[in-house]
Amino acid sequence: MREAVEMVVKSLVDDVEAVDVREVEQKGATLIEVRVAPGDMGKIIGRQGRTIRALRSLAYVVSLKRRQRFMLEVVE
Protein backbone atom coordinates (compact mmCIF):
# COMPACT_ATOMS: atom_id res chain seq x y z
CA MET A 1 0.00 0.00 0.00
CA ARG A 2 2.89 2.33 0.83
CA GLU A 3 4.29 2.00 -2.68
CA ALA A 4 0.96 2.86 -4.30
CA VAL A 5 0.46 5.95 -2.14
CA GLU A 6 4.05 7.04 -2.79
CA MET A 7 3.59 6.70 -6.55
CA VAL A 8 0.40 8.78 -6.54
CA VAL A 9 1.85 11.47 -4.27
CA LYS A 10 5.03 11.77 -6.34
CA SER A 11 2.96 12.29 -9.47
CA LEU A 12 1.09 15.17 -7.79
CA VAL A 13 3.95 17.23 -6.33
CA ASP A 14 6.68 19.39 -7.85
CA ASP A 15 9.46 18.47 -5.40
CA VAL A 16 9.61 14.68 -5.77
CA GLU A 17 12.77 14.40 -3.64
CA ALA A 18 10.97 15.79 -0.57
CA VAL A 19 8.27 13.06 -0.58
CA ASP A 20 8.52 10.67 2.36
CA VAL A 21 5.94 7.93 2.90
CA ARG A 22 6.16 5.71 5.98
CA GLU A 23 4.10 2.86 7.37
CA VAL A 24 3.62 2.67 11.13
CA GLU A 25 1.88 -0.29 12.76
CA GLN A 26 -0.69 0.68 15.41
CA LYS A 27 -3.05 -1.63 17.30
CA GLY A 28 -4.22 -3.75 14.38
CA ALA A 29 -4.05 -0.92 11.85
CA THR A 30 -1.41 0.50 9.55
CA LEU A 31 -0.90 4.25 9.57
CA ILE A 32 0.55 5.66 6.36
CA GLU A 33 2.27 8.99 6.99
CA VAL A 34 2.90 11.26 4.01
CA ARG A 35 5.40 14.11 4.26
CA VAL A 36 5.93 16.58 1.41
CA ALA A 37 7.62 19.95 0.93
CA PRO A 38 5.66 22.87 2.45
CA GLY A 39 5.00 24.30 -1.01
CA ASP A 40 3.39 21.05 -2.16
CA MET A 41 1.10 20.65 0.85
CA GLY A 42 -1.81 22.33 -0.95
CA LYS A 43 -1.48 19.98 -3.92
CA ILE A 44 -1.81 16.95 -1.67
CA ILE A 45 -4.79 18.35 0.21
CA GLY A 46 -6.51 19.72 -2.90
CA ARG A 47 -9.43 22.08 -3.16
CA GLN A 48 -11.67 21.60 -0.16
CA GLY A 49 -9.71 18.43 0.68
CA ARG A 50 -10.80 16.50 -2.39
CA THR A 51 -7.39 15.03 -3.23
CA ILE A 52 -6.62 13.76 0.27
CA ARG A 53 -10.18 12.45 0.54
CA ALA A 54 -9.66 10.48 -2.68
CA LEU A 55 -6.38 9.04 -1.35
CA ARG A 56 -8.11 8.05 1.87
CA SER A 57 -10.91 6.40 -0.12
CA LEU A 58 -8.29 4.40 -2.01
CA ALA A 59 -6.78 3.29 1.30
CA TYR A 60 -10.24 2.31 2.55
CA VAL A 61 -10.94 0.16 -0.52
CA VAL A 62 -7.62 -1.62 -0.12
CA SER A 63 -8.44 -2.10 3.58
CA LEU A 64 -11.64 -3.90 2.68
CA LYS A 65 -9.92 -6.08 0.12
CA ARG A 66 -6.99 -7.07 2.35
CA ARG A 67 -9.03 -7.19 5.58
CA GLN A 68 -6.47 -4.92 7.23
CA ARG A 69 -7.14 -1.34 8.28
CA PHE A 70 -5.13 1.43 6.62
CA MET A 71 -5.22 5.05 7.75
CA LEU A 72 -3.69 7.88 5.72
CA GLU A 73 -2.32 11.05 7.31
CA VAL A 74 -0.47 14.08 5.90
CA VAL A 75 2.20 15.14 8.38
CA GLU A 76 3.66 18.64 8.36
PDB file of N, CA and C in Angstrom:
ATOM      1  N   MET A   1       0.825  -1.191   0.000  1.00  0.00           N
ATOM      2  CA  MET A   1       0.000   0.000   0.000  1.00  0.00           C
ATOM      3  C   MET A   1       0.868   1.253   0.000  1.00  0.00           C
ATOM      4  N   ARG A   2       1.989   1.186   0.745  1.00  0.00           N
ATOM      5  CA  ARG A   2       2.886   2.335   0.828  1.00  0.00           C
ATOM      6  C   ARG A   2       3.407   2.717  -0.550  1.00  0.00           C
ATOM      7  N   GLU A   3       3.749   1.737  -1.357  1.00  0.00           N
ATOM      8  CA  GLU A   3       4.287   2.005  -2.682  1.00  0.00           C
ATOM      9  C   GLU A   3       3.259   2.685  -3.582  1.00  0.00           C
ATOM     10  N   ALA A   4       2.012   2.257  -3.484  1.00  0.00           N
ATOM     11  CA  ALA A   4       0.958   2.856  -4.301  1.00  0.00           C
ATOM     12  C   ALA A   4       0.714   4.312  -3.907  1.00  0.00           C
ATOM     13  N   VAL A   5       0.661   4.578  -2.609  1.00  0.00           N
ATOM     14  CA  VAL A   5       0.457   5.951  -2.141  1.00  0.00           C
ATOM     15  C   VAL A   5       1.641   6.819  -2.552  1.00  0.00           C
ATOM     16  N   GLU A   6       2.848   6.287  -2.419  1.00  0.00           N
ATOM     17  CA  GLU A   6       4.047   7.042  -2.788  1.00  0.00           C
ATOM     18  C   GLU A   6       4.046   7.389  -4.278  1.00  0.00           C
ATOM     19  N   MET A   7       3.638   6.451  -5.119  1.00  0.00           N
ATOM     20  CA  MET A   7       3.590   6.698  -6.555  1.00  0.00           C
ATOM     21  C   MET A   7       2.585   7.806  -6.889  1.00  0.00           C
ATOM     22  N   VAL A   8       1.424   7.774  -6.280  1.00  0.00           N
ATOM     23  CA  VAL A   8       0.396   8.780  -6.540  1.00  0.00           C
ATOM     24  C   VAL A   8       0.843  10.151  -6.043  1.00  0.00           C
ATOM     25  N   VAL A   9       1.412  10.194  -4.841  1.00  0.00           N
ATOM     26  CA  VAL A   9       1.849  11.468  -4.267  1.00  0.00           C
ATOM     27  C   VAL A   9       2.973  12.070  -5.098  1.00  0.00           C
ATOM     28  N   LYS A  10       3.922  11.261  -5.529  1.00  0.00           N
ATOM     29  CA  LYS A  10       5.030  11.768  -6.339  1.00  0.00           C
ATOM     30  C   LYS A  10       4.557  12.314  -7.672  1.00  0.00           C
ATOM     31  N   SER A  11       3.483  11.778  -8.203  1.00  0.00           N
ATOM     32  CA  SER A  11       2.965  12.285  -9.471  1.00  0.00           C
ATOM     33  C   SER A  11       2.228  13.611  -9.292  1.00  0.00           C
ATOM     34  N   LEU A  12       1.832  13.943  -8.054  1.00  0.00           N
ATOM     35  CA  LEU A  12       1.088  15.173  -7.793  1.00  0.00           C
ATOM     36  C   LEU A  12       1.976  16.369  -7.462  1.00  0.00           C
ATOM     37  N   VAL A  13       3.130  16.130  -6.859  1.00  0.00           N
ATOM     38  CA  VAL A  13       3.951  17.226  -6.325  1.00  0.00           C
ATOM     39  C   VAL A  13       5.016  17.676  -7.314  1.00  0.00           C
ATOM     40  N   ASP A  14       5.574  18.871  -7.046  1.00  0.00           N
ATOM     41  CA  ASP A  14       6.677  19.392  -7.854  1.00  0.00           C
ATOM     42  C   ASP A  14       8.019  18.897  -7.340  1.00  0.00           C
ATOM     43  N   ASP A  15       8.202  18.876  -6.018  1.00  0.00           N
ATOM     44  CA  ASP A  15       9.461  18.471  -5.403  1.00  0.00           C
ATOM     45  C   ASP A  15       9.388  16.991  -5.021  1.00  0.00           C
ATOM     46  N   VAL A  16       9.731  16.131  -5.970  1.00  0.00           N
ATOM     47  CA  VAL A  16       9.614  14.684  -5.773  1.00  0.00           C
ATOM     48  C   VAL A  16      10.593  14.193  -4.707  1.00  0.00           C
ATOM     49  N   GLU A  17      11.747  14.829  -4.592  1.00  0.00           N
ATOM     50  CA  GLU A  17      12.765  14.402  -3.638  1.00  0.00           C
ATOM     51  C   GLU A  17      12.318  14.591  -2.182  1.00  0.00           C
ATOM     52  N   ALA A  18      11.414  15.502  -1.927  1.00  0.00           N
ATOM     53  CA  ALA A  18      10.969  15.788  -0.565  1.00  0.00           C
ATOM     54  C   ALA A  18       9.857  14.848  -0.092  1.00  0.00           C
ATOM     55  N   VAL A  19       9.369  13.974  -0.946  1.00  0.00           N
ATOM     56  CA  VAL A  19       8.275  13.065  -0.585  1.00  0.00           C
ATOM     57  C   VAL A  19       8.817  11.942   0.305  1.00  0.00           C
ATOM     58  N   ASP A  20       8.163  11.737   1.437  1.00  0.00           N
ATOM     59  CA  ASP A  20       8.523  10.670   2.361  1.00  0.00           C
ATOM     60  C   ASP A  20       7.241   9.984   2.812  1.00  0.00           C
ATOM     61  N   VAL A  21       7.124   8.704   2.525  1.00  0.00           N
ATOM     62  CA  VAL A  21       5.936   7.935   2.897  1.00  0.00           C
ATOM     63  C   VAL A  21       6.392   6.807   3.814  1.00  0.00           C
ATOM     64  N   ARG A  22       5.795   6.730   4.994  1.00  0.00           N
ATOM     65  CA  ARG A  22       6.163   5.713   5.981  1.00  0.00           C
ATOM     66  C   ARG A  22       4.936   4.948   6.439  1.00  0.00           C
ATOM     67  N   GLU A  23       5.150   3.681   6.773  1.00  0.00           N
ATOM     68  CA  GLU A  23       4.101   2.858   7.365  1.00  0.00           C
ATOM     69  C   GLU A  23       4.422   2.637   8.834  1.00  0.00           C
ATOM     70  N   VAL A  24       3.450   2.870   9.690  1.00  0.00           N
ATOM     71  CA  VAL A  24       3.617   2.671  11.129  1.00  0.00           C
ATOM     72  C   VAL A  24       2.497   1.746  11.594  1.00  0.00           C
ATOM     73  N   GLU A  25       2.878   0.657  12.249  1.00  0.00           N
ATOM     74  CA  GLU A  25       1.881  -0.288  12.763  1.00  0.00           C
ATOM     75  C   GLU A  25       1.319   0.230  14.080  1.00  0.00           C
ATOM     76  N   GLN A  26      -0.021   0.216  14.197  1.00  0.00           N
ATOM     77  CA  GLN A  26      -0.693   0.685  15.413  1.00  0.00           C
ATOM     78  C   GLN A  26      -1.903  -0.193  15.699  1.00  0.00           C
ATOM     79  N   LYS A  27      -1.881  -0.915  16.783  1.00  0.00           N
ATOM     80  CA  LYS A  27      -3.053  -1.631  17.297  1.00  0.00           C
ATOM     81  C   LYS A  27      -3.947  -2.227  16.210  1.00  0.00           C
ATOM     82  N   GLY A  28      -3.417  -3.088  15.392  1.00  0.00           N
ATOM     83  CA  GLY A  28      -4.217  -3.748  14.377  1.00  0.00           C
ATOM     84  C   GLY A  28      -4.481  -2.933  13.133  1.00  0.00           C
ATOM     85  N   ALA A  29      -3.872  -1.780  13.016  1.00  0.00           N
ATOM     86  CA  ALA A  29      -4.050  -0.921  11.847  1.00  0.00           C
ATOM     87  C   ALA A  29      -2.680  -0.464  11.357  1.00  0.00           C
ATOM     88  N   THR A  30      -2.629  -0.037  10.120  1.00  0.00           N
ATOM     89  CA  THR A  30      -1.405   0.498   9.546  1.00  0.00           C
ATOM     90  C   THR A  30      -1.632   1.959   9.214  1.00  0.00           C
ATOM     91  N   LEU A  31      -0.834   2.818   9.822  1.00  0.00           N
ATOM     92  CA  LEU A  31      -0.903   4.252   9.567  1.00  0.00           C
ATOM     93  C   LEU A  31       0.113   4.591   8.493  1.00  0.00           C
ATOM     94  N   ILE A  32      -0.334   5.229   7.437  1.00  0.00           N
ATOM     95  CA  ILE A  32       0.552   5.659   6.360  1.00  0.00           C
ATOM     96  C   ILE A  32       0.724   7.162   6.499  1.00  0.00           C
ATOM     97  N   GLU A  33       1.958   7.572   6.814  1.00  0.00           N
ATOM     98  CA  GLU A  33       2.269   8.987   6.994  1.00  0.00           C
ATOM     99  C   GLU A  33       2.906   9.515   5.723  1.00  0.00           C
ATOM    100  N   VAL A  34       2.384  10.632   5.226  1.00  0.00           N
ATOM    101  CA  VAL A  34       2.903  11.258   4.010  1.00  0.00           C
ATOM    102  C   VAL A  34       3.481  12.616   4.395  1.00  0.00           C
ATOM    103  N   ARG A  35       4.743  12.822   4.043  1.00  0.00           N
ATOM    104  CA  ARG A  35       5.398  14.112   4.261  1.00  0.00           C
ATOM    105  C   ARG A  35       5.831  14.647   2.902  1.00  0.00           C
ATOM    106  N   VAL A  36       5.536  15.925   2.645  1.00  0.00           N
ATOM    107  CA  VAL A  36       5.935  16.584   1.410  1.00  0.00           C
ATOM    108  C   VAL A  36       6.522  17.956   1.743  1.00  0.00           C
ATOM    109  N   ALA A  37       7.089  18.606   0.749  1.00  0.00           N
ATOM    110  CA  ALA A  37       7.617  19.951   0.930  1.00  0.00           C
ATOM    111  C   ALA A  37       6.459  20.893   1.284  1.00  0.00           C
ATOM    112  N   PRO A  38       6.744  21.936   2.071  1.00  0.00           N
ATOM    113  CA  PRO A  38       5.662  22.870   2.454  1.00  0.00           C
ATOM    114  C   PRO A  38       4.941  23.494   1.260  1.00  0.00           C
ATOM    115  N   GLY A  39       5.634  23.716   0.171  1.00  0.00           N
ATOM    116  CA  GLY A  39       5.002  24.302  -1.011  1.00  0.00           C
ATOM    117  C   GLY A  39       4.061  23.352  -1.739  1.00  0.00           C
ATOM    118  N   ASP A  40       4.227  22.061  -1.500  1.00  0.00           N
ATOM    119  CA  ASP A  40       3.386  21.052  -2.157  1.00  0.00           C
ATOM    120  C   ASP A  40       2.232  20.576  -1.283  1.00  0.00           C
ATOM    121  N   MET A  41       2.139  21.097  -0.066  1.00  0.00           N
ATOM    122  CA  MET A  41       1.096  20.647   0.847  1.00  0.00           C
ATOM    123  C   MET A  41      -0.301  20.889   0.269  1.00  0.00           C
ATOM    124  N   GLY A  42      -0.504  22.018  -0.362  1.00  0.00           N
ATOM    125  CA  GLY A  42      -1.806  22.333  -0.951  1.00  0.00           C
ATOM    126  C   GLY A  42      -2.188  21.401  -2.080  1.00  0.00           C
ATOM    127  N   LYS A  43      -1.195  20.916  -2.817  1.00  0.00           N
ATOM    128  CA  LYS A  43      -1.479  19.983  -3.918  1.00  0.00           C
ATOM    129  C   LYS A  43      -1.938  18.635  -3.394  1.00  0.00           C
ATOM    130  N   ILE A  44      -1.407  18.226  -2.260  1.00  0.00           N
ATOM    131  CA  ILE A  44      -1.811  16.949  -1.671  1.00  0.00           C
ATOM    132  C   ILE A  44      -3.202  17.055  -1.057  1.00  0.00           C
ATOM    133  N   ILE A  45      -3.480  18.173  -0.418  1.00  0.00           N
ATOM    134  CA  ILE A  45      -4.790  18.349   0.206  1.00  0.00           C
ATOM    135  C   ILE A  45      -5.858  18.601  -0.852  1.00  0.00           C
ATOM    136  N   GLY A  46      -5.557  19.437  -1.830  1.00  0.00           N
ATOM    137  CA  GLY A  46      -6.507  19.716  -2.903  1.00  0.00           C
ATOM    138  C   GLY A  46      -7.556  20.731  -2.486  1.00  0.00           C
ATOM    139  N   ARG A  47      -8.355  21.124  -3.455  1.00  0.00           N
ATOM    140  CA  ARG A  47      -9.433  22.082  -3.164  1.00  0.00           C
ATOM    141  C   ARG A  47     -10.470  21.432  -2.283  1.00  0.00           C
ATOM    142  N   GLN A  48     -10.720  22.072  -1.164  1.00  0.00           N
ATOM    143  CA  GLN A  48     -11.675  21.600  -0.158  1.00  0.00           C
ATOM    144  C   GLN A  48     -11.389  20.163   0.292  1.00  0.00           C
ATOM    145  N   GLY A  49     -10.121  19.749   0.200  1.00  0.00           N
ATOM    146  CA  GLY A  49      -9.714  18.430   0.678  1.00  0.00           C
ATOM    147  C   GLY A  49     -10.063  17.284  -0.234  1.00  0.00           C
ATOM    148  N   ARG A  50     -10.356  17.561  -1.480  1.00  0.00           N
ATOM    149  CA  ARG A  50     -10.800  16.503  -2.389  1.00  0.00           C
ATOM    150  C   ARG A  50      -9.709  15.485  -2.698  1.00  0.00           C
ATOM    151  N   THR A  51      -8.472  15.944  -2.873  1.00  0.00           N
ATOM    152  CA  THR A  51      -7.392  15.025  -3.233  1.00  0.00           C
ATOM    153  C   THR A  51      -7.070  14.086  -2.080  1.00  0.00           C
ATOM    154  N   ILE A  52      -6.918  14.617  -0.883  1.00  0.00           N
ATOM    155  CA  ILE A  52      -6.615  13.763   0.266  1.00  0.00           C
ATOM    156  C   ILE A  52      -7.788  12.846   0.568  1.00  0.00           C
ATOM    157  N   ARG A  53      -8.998  13.302   0.341  1.00  0.00           N
ATOM    158  CA  ARG A  53     -10.180  12.454   0.538  1.00  0.00           C
ATOM    159  C   ARG A  53     -10.173  11.287  -0.443  1.00  0.00           C
ATOM    160  N   ALA A  54      -9.747  11.543  -1.679  1.00  0.00           N
ATOM    161  CA  ALA A  54      -9.665  10.479  -2.676  1.00  0.00           C
ATOM    162  C   ALA A  54      -8.578   9.471  -2.305  1.00  0.00           C
ATOM    163  N   LEU A  55      -7.441   9.948  -1.791  1.00  0.00           N
ATOM    164  CA  LEU A  55      -6.382   9.038  -1.352  1.00  0.00           C
ATOM    165  C   LEU A  55      -6.844   8.189  -0.171  1.00  0.00           C
ATOM    166  N   ARG A  56      -7.588   8.801   0.732  1.00  0.00           N
ATOM    167  CA  ARG A  56      -8.107   8.045   1.875  1.00  0.00           C
ATOM    168  C   ARG A  56      -9.150   7.025   1.436  1.00  0.00           C
ATOM    169  N   SER A  57      -9.938   7.351   0.423  1.00  0.00           N
ATOM    170  CA  SER A  57     -10.913   6.401  -0.121  1.00  0.00           C
ATOM    171  C   SER A  57     -10.199   5.213  -0.750  1.00  0.00           C
ATOM    172  N   LEU A  58      -9.102   5.478  -1.430  1.00  0.00           N
ATOM    173  CA  LEU A  58      -8.293   4.404  -2.011  1.00  0.00           C
ATOM    174  C   LEU A  58      -7.758   3.492  -0.913  1.00  0.00           C
ATOM    175  N   ALA A  59      -7.273   4.080   0.174  1.00  0.00           N
ATOM    176  CA  ALA A  59      -6.777   3.285   1.299  1.00  0.00           C
ATOM    177  C   ALA A  59      -7.902   2.460   1.919  1.00  0.00           C
ATOM    178  N   TYR A  60      -9.104   3.021   1.981  1.00  0.00           N
ATOM    179  CA  TYR A  60     -10.243   2.307   2.548  1.00  0.00           C
ATOM    180  C   TYR A  60     -10.619   1.095   1.690  1.00  0.00           C
ATOM    181  N   VAL A  61     -10.596   1.269   0.386  1.00  0.00           N
ATOM    182  CA  VAL A  61     -10.941   0.157  -0.516  1.00  0.00           C
ATOM    183  C   VAL A  61      -9.920  -0.969  -0.378  1.00  0.00           C
ATOM    184  N   VAL A  62      -8.652  -0.609  -0.304  1.00  0.00           N
ATOM    185  CA  VAL A  62      -7.617  -1.623  -0.117  1.00  0.00           C
ATOM    186  C   VAL A  62      -7.783  -2.297   1.249  1.00  0.00           C
ATOM    187  N   SER A  63      -8.197  -1.527   2.249  1.00  0.00           N
ATOM    188  CA  SER A  63      -8.443  -2.098   3.577  1.00  0.00           C
ATOM    189  C   SER A  63      -9.508  -3.183   3.517  1.00  0.00           C
ATOM    190  N   LEU A  64     -10.567  -2.912   2.802  1.00  0.00           N
ATOM    191  CA  LEU A  64     -11.643  -3.899   2.682  1.00  0.00           C
ATOM    192  C   LEU A  64     -11.168  -5.142   1.952  1.00  0.00           C
ATOM    193  N   LYS A  65     -10.377  -4.949   0.925  1.00  0.00           N
ATOM    194  CA  LYS A  65      -9.922  -6.079   0.122  1.00  0.00           C
ATOM    195  C   LYS A  65      -8.921  -6.953   0.883  1.00  0.00           C
ATOM    196  N   ARG A  66      -8.013  -6.328   1.615  1.00  0.00           N
ATOM    197  CA  ARG A  66      -6.986  -7.072   2.349  1.00  0.00           C
ATOM    198  C   ARG A  66      -7.401  -7.452   3.759  1.00  0.00           C
ATOM    199  N   ARG A  67      -8.549  -6.959   4.210  1.00  0.00           N
ATOM    200  CA  ARG A  67      -9.031  -7.189   5.576  1.00  0.00           C
ATOM    201  C   ARG A  67      -8.008  -6.721   6.611  1.00  0.00           C
ATOM    202  N   GLN A  68      -7.421  -5.569   6.327  1.00  0.00           N
ATOM    203  CA  GLN A  68      -6.472  -4.921   7.227  1.00  0.00           C
ATOM    204  C   GLN A  68      -6.740  -3.422   7.149  1.00  0.00           C
ATOM    205  N   ARG A  69      -6.780  -2.749   8.269  1.00  0.00           N
ATOM    206  CA  ARG A  69      -7.142  -1.337   8.280  1.00  0.00           C
ATOM    207  C   ARG A  69      -5.939  -0.460   7.935  1.00  0.00           C
ATOM    208  N   PHE A  70      -6.128   0.445   6.987  1.00  0.00           N
ATOM    209  CA  PHE A  70      -5.127   1.432   6.618  1.00  0.00           C
ATOM    210  C   PHE A  70      -5.684   2.819   6.905  1.00  0.00           C
ATOM    211  N   MET A  71      -4.849   3.667   7.510  1.00  0.00           N
ATOM    212  CA  MET A  71      -5.216   5.054   7.752  1.00  0.00           C
ATOM    213  C   MET A  71      -4.165   5.927   7.080  1.00  0.00           C
ATOM    214  N   LEU A  72      -4.590   7.009   6.447  1.00  0.00           N
ATOM    215  CA  LEU A  72      -3.688   7.884   5.724  1.00  0.00           C
ATOM    216  C   LEU A  72      -3.670   9.251   6.378  1.00  0.00           C
ATOM    217  N   GLU A  73      -2.471   9.763   6.659  1.00  0.00           N
ATOM    218  CA  GLU A  73      -2.322  11.055   7.311  1.00  0.00           C
ATOM    219  C   GLU A  73      -1.252  11.863   6.592  1.00  0.00           C
ATOM    220  N   VAL A  74      -1.488  13.157   6.434  1.00  0.00           N
ATOM    221  CA  VAL A  74      -0.475  14.075   5.902  1.00  0.00           C
ATOM    222  C   VAL A  74       0.161  14.756   7.096  1.00  0.00           C
ATOM    223  N   VAL A  75       1.460  14.594   7.235  1.00  0.00           N
ATOM    224  CA  VAL A  75       2.197  15.137   8.375  1.00  0.00           C
ATOM    225  C   VAL A  75       2.982  16.362   7.913  1.00  0.00           C
ATOM    226  N   GLU A  76       2.932  17.416   8.706  1.00  0.00           N
ATOM    227  CA  GLU A  76       3.664  18.640   8.361  1.00  0.00           C
ATOM    228  C   GLU A  76       5.113  18.511   8.706  1.00  0.00           C
TER     229      GLU A  76
END
